[in-house]
């Protein structure tokens, strides 16, 4: 979809409802990310940009919970209808290696979040950890976009249009490094407490 037609669509009175629905389904089935619509809507109404990011976060996490339930109740046969068996195996290996971190990374980056939401249900990841990782990752992604547009407005349009994937990857790397730093600090502190 061209940017001009996306902006026209974002002006629709139904754009907020469509943003919520689109974000919900992107976390379960749809290959269409809500980010372009979020950006277009936020650029048209920068004073509501953060609200749009919050709406995306809420509906994305609700969709992920639905995906988790699908994984829990219908398992791998459902996932294999959506993606190849080799991608399932790779995702499961990544998930088994990184656990809740896999959810956090997938929630923030262009990695297919829906696969990890459904896989979380299949592997029965702790729901509380799943929700926390999803809220941090999705909030970090969508609310950050809203904040950037609220602060920089139209000045950031070209950058977001051309460098969105790079921004997402850099932001994801920053988020992961921050969380690893927090984890390392807590781990070292608990280890020092045990030694004393």
Protein backbone atom coordinates (compact mmCIF):
# COMPACT_ATOMS: atom_id res chain seq x y z
CA UNK A 1 0.00 0.00 0.00
CA UNK A 2 1.32 3.43 -0.95
CA UNK A 3 1.95 5.95 1.80
CA UNK A 4 -0.57 8.45 0.39
CA UNK A 5 -3.36 5.87 0.30
CA UNK A 6 -2.39 4.70 3.80
CA UNK A 7 -2.72 8.27 5.08
CA UNK A 8 -6.15 8.53 3.47
CA UNK A 9 -7.14 5.26 5.14
CA UNK A 10 -5.80 6.56 8.48
CA UNK A 11 -8.17 9.53 8.25
CA UNK A 12 -11.20 7.21 8.22
CA UNK A 13 -13.56 7.34 11.19
CA UNK A 14 -13.04 3.56 11.49
CA UNK A 15 -9.24 3.71 11.56
CA UNK A 16 -8.98 3.25 15.34
CA UNK A 17 -11.23 0.18 15.29
CA UNK A 18 -9.35 -1.23 12.32
CA UNK A 19 -6.02 -0.57 14.06
CA UNK A 20 -7.17 -2.59 17.09
CA UNK A 21 -8.53 -5.46 14.98
CA UNK A 22 -5.49 -5.49 12.70
CA UNK A 23 -3.13 -5.54 15.69
CA UNK A 24 -5.07 -8.35 17.38
CA UNK A 25 -4.98 -10.55 14.28
CA UNK A 26 -1.32 -9.75 13.52
CA UNK A 27 -0.46 -11.49 16.79
CA UNK A 28 -2.28 -14.65 15.71
CA UNK A 29 -2.76 -15.07 11.95
CA UNK A 30 -2.15 -12.03 9.80
CA UNK A 31 1.16 -11.30 8.09
CA UNK A 32 0.27 -7.58 7.92
CA UNK A 33 2.00 -5.57 10.65
CA UNK A 34 -0.01 -2.70 12.16
CA UNK A 35 3.02 -0.39 12.29
CA UNK A 36 2.39 1.46 8.99
CA UNK A 37 -1.21 2.26 9.99
CA UNK A 38 -0.07 3.24 13.50
CA UNK A 39 2.56 5.57 12.02
CA UNK A 40 0.11 7.14 9.55
CA UNK A 41 -2.51 7.70 12.26
CA UNK A 42 0.08 9.07 14.69
CA UNK A 43 1.47 11.49 12.10
CA UNK A 44 -2.04 12.77 11.42
CA UNK A 45 -2.72 13.22 15.16
CA UNK A 46 0.63 13.52 16.99
CA UNK A 47 -1.14 14.50 20.22
CA UNK A 48 -2.77 11.04 20.22
CA UNK A 49 0.28 9.09 19.01
CA UNK A 50 1.05 7.56 22.42
CA UNK A 51 -2.60 6.54 22.85
CA UNK A 52 -2.44 4.76 19.47
CA UNK A 53 0.71 2.96 20.64
CA UNK A 54 -1.05 1.88 23.85
CA UNK A 55 -4.04 0.61 21.85
CA UNK A 56 -1.71 -1.41 19.61
CA UNK A 57 0.02 -2.85 22.68
CA UNK A 58 -3.23 -3.89 24.37
CA UNK A 59 -4.76 -5.50 21.28
CA UNK A 60 -1.50 -7.18 20.34
CA UNK A 61 -1.17 -8.78 23.77
CA UNK A 62 -4.84 -9.82 23.70
CA UNK A 63 -4.22 -11.43 20.31
CA UNK A 64 -1.12 -13.14 21.67
CA UNK A 65 -3.12 -14.55 24.61
CA UNK A 66 -5.61 -15.90 22.07
CA UNK A 67 -2.68 -17.40 20.11
CA UNK A 68 -1.31 -18.90 23.34
CA UNK A 69 -4.70 -20.54 23.92
CA UNK A 70 -4.79 -21.89 20.38
CA UNK A 71 -1.34 -23.39 20.90
CA UNK A 72 -2.31 -24.88 24.23
CA UNK A 73 -5.53 -26.45 22.93
CA UNK A 74 -4.67 -27.33 19.33
CA UNK A 75 -0.89 -27.70 19.46
CA UNK A 76 1.55 -28.27 16.62
CA UNK A 77 -1.03 -29.34 14.02
CA UNK A 78 -2.38 -25.77 14.05
CA UNK A 79 1.06 -24.17 13.84
CA UNK A 80 2.10 -26.48 10.98
CA UNK A 81 -0.81 -25.10 8.92
CA UNK A 82 0.67 -21.62 9.27
CA UNK A 83 4.41 -22.24 8.80
CA UNK A 84 6.76 -24.96 7.60
CA UNK A 85 7.88 -27.80 9.85
CA UNK A 86 11.52 -26.66 9.56
CA UNK A 87 10.60 -23.17 10.77
CA UNK A 88 8.66 -24.72 13.66
CA UNK A 89 11.74 -26.75 14.60
CA UNK A 90 14.00 -23.67 14.38
CA UNK A 91 11.54 -21.61 16.42
CA UNK A 92 11.19 -24.35 19.02
CA UNK A 93 14.98 -24.61 19.30
CA UNK A 94 15.25 -20.83 19.70
CA UNK A 95 12.42 -20.91 22.22
CA UNK A 96 13.93 -23.79 24.21
CA UNK A 97 17.28 -22.04 24.30
CA UNK A 98 16.07 -18.56 25.27
CA UNK A 99 12.68 -19.19 26.91
CA UNK A 100 10.88 -16.02 27.87
CA UNK A 101 13.62 -13.97 26.18
CA UNK A 102 12.43 -15.43 22.86
CA UNK A 103 8.99 -13.93 23.49
CA UNK A 104 10.50 -10.57 24.38
CA UNK A 105 12.70 -10.52 21.28
CA UNK A 106 9.89 -11.66 18.96
CA UNK A 107 7.47 -9.15 20.50
CA UNK A 108 9.78 -6.23 19.74
CA UNK A 109 11.43 -7.17 16.45
CA UNK A 110 10.20 -8.21 12.99
CA UNK A 111 10.55 -11.90 14.01
CA UNK A 112 7.05 -13.47 13.63
CA UNK A 113 5.59 -12.89 17.09
CA UNK A 114 2.54 -15.04 16.32
CA UNK A 115 4.73 -18.14 16.00
CA UNK A 116 6.14 -17.59 19.49
CA UNK A 117 2.73 -16.76 20.96
CA UNK A 118 1.29 -20.05 19.69
CA UNK A 119 4.49 -21.93 20.56
CA UNK A 120 4.25 -20.55 24.11
CA UNK A 121 0.89 -22.24 24.43
CA UNK A 122 2.16 -25.48 22.92
CA UNK A 123 5.10 -25.57 25.34
CA UNK A 124 2.91 -24.17 28.15
CA UNK A 125 5.18 -21.30 29.12
CA UNK A 126 4.16 -19.73 32.41
CA UNK A 127 1.31 -17.31 31.55
CA UNK A 128 2.56 -14.57 33.89
CA UNK A 129 6.02 -14.59 32.28
CA UNK A 130 4.42 -14.69 28.83
CA UNK A 131 2.25 -11.66 29.60
CA UNK A 132 5.10 -9.65 31.12
CA UNK A 133 7.42 -10.36 28.18
CA UNK A 134 4.64 -9.58 25.71
CA UNK A 135 3.72 -6.30 27.40
CA UNK A 136 7.35 -5.18 27.59
CA UNK A 137 8.17 -6.20 24.02
CA UNK A 138 4.99 -5.00 22.33
CA UNK A 139 4.79 -1.88 24.46
CA UNK A 140 8.43 -1.18 23.70
CA UNK A 141 7.71 -1.46 20.01
CA UNK A 142 4.38 0.35 19.63
CA UNK A 143 4.56 2.90 22.43
CA UNK A 144 8.09 3.87 21.38
CA UNK A 145 6.75 4.66 17.91
CA UNK A 146 4.00 6.75 19.48
CA UNK A 147 6.46 8.62 21.71
CA UNK A 148 8.84 9.32 18.81
CA UNK A 149 6.04 10.72 16.70
CA UNK A 150 4.59 12.71 19.61
CA UNK A 151 8.01 14.30 20.21
CA UNK A 152 9.31 14.74 16.65
CA UNK A 153 6.06 14.84 14.67
CA UNK A 154 6.40 15.25 10.94
CA UNK A 155 10.20 15.62 11.18
CA UNK A 156 10.53 11.88 11.78
CA UNK A 157 8.25 10.81 8.90
CA UNK A 158 10.97 10.16 6.32
CA UNK A 159 13.11 8.23 8.75
CA UNK A 160 10.23 6.00 9.83
CA UNK A 161 9.12 5.40 6.25
CA UNK A 162 12.61 4.42 5.07
CA UNK A 163 14.37 2.99 8.12
CA UNK A 164 11.62 1.31 10.14
CA UNK A 165 13.14 -2.18 10.08
CA UNK A 166 16.59 -0.86 11.02
CA UNK A 167 15.06 1.15 13.86
CA UNK A 168 13.19 -1.92 15.09
CA UNK A 169 16.31 -4.09 15.06
CA UNK A 170 18.41 -1.43 16.84
CA UNK A 171 15.66 -0.85 19.38
CA UNK A 172 15.34 -4.60 19.93
CA UNK A 173 19.08 -4.92 20.44
CA UNK A 174 19.01 -2.04 22.93
CA UNK A 175 16.09 -3.63 24.79
CA UNK A 176 17.81 -7.01 24.95
CA UNK A 177 21.10 -5.49 26.13
CA UNK A 178 19.28 -3.49 28.80
CA UNK A 179 17.43 -6.56 30.05
CA UNK A 180 20.59 -8.69 30.00
CA UNK A 181 22.33 -5.96 32.00
CA UNK A 182 19.52 -5.95 34.57
CA UNK A 183 19.58 -9.75 34.75
CA UNK A 184 23.38 -9.79 35.17
CA UNK A 185 23.17 -7.17 37.93
CA UNK A 186 20.49 -9.14 39.82
CA UNK A 187 22.39 -12.41 39.32
CA UNK A 188 25.68 -10.94 40.54
CA UNK A 189 23.99 -9.29 43.50
CA UNK A 190 22.29 -12.57 44.53
CA UNK A 191 25.55 -14.43 44.09
CA UNK A 192 27.42 -11.94 46.29
CA UNK A 193 24.69 -12.26 48.92
CA UNK A 194 25.15 -16.05 48.95
CA UNK A 195 28.93 -15.72 49.37
CA UNK A 196 28.60 -13.33 52.33
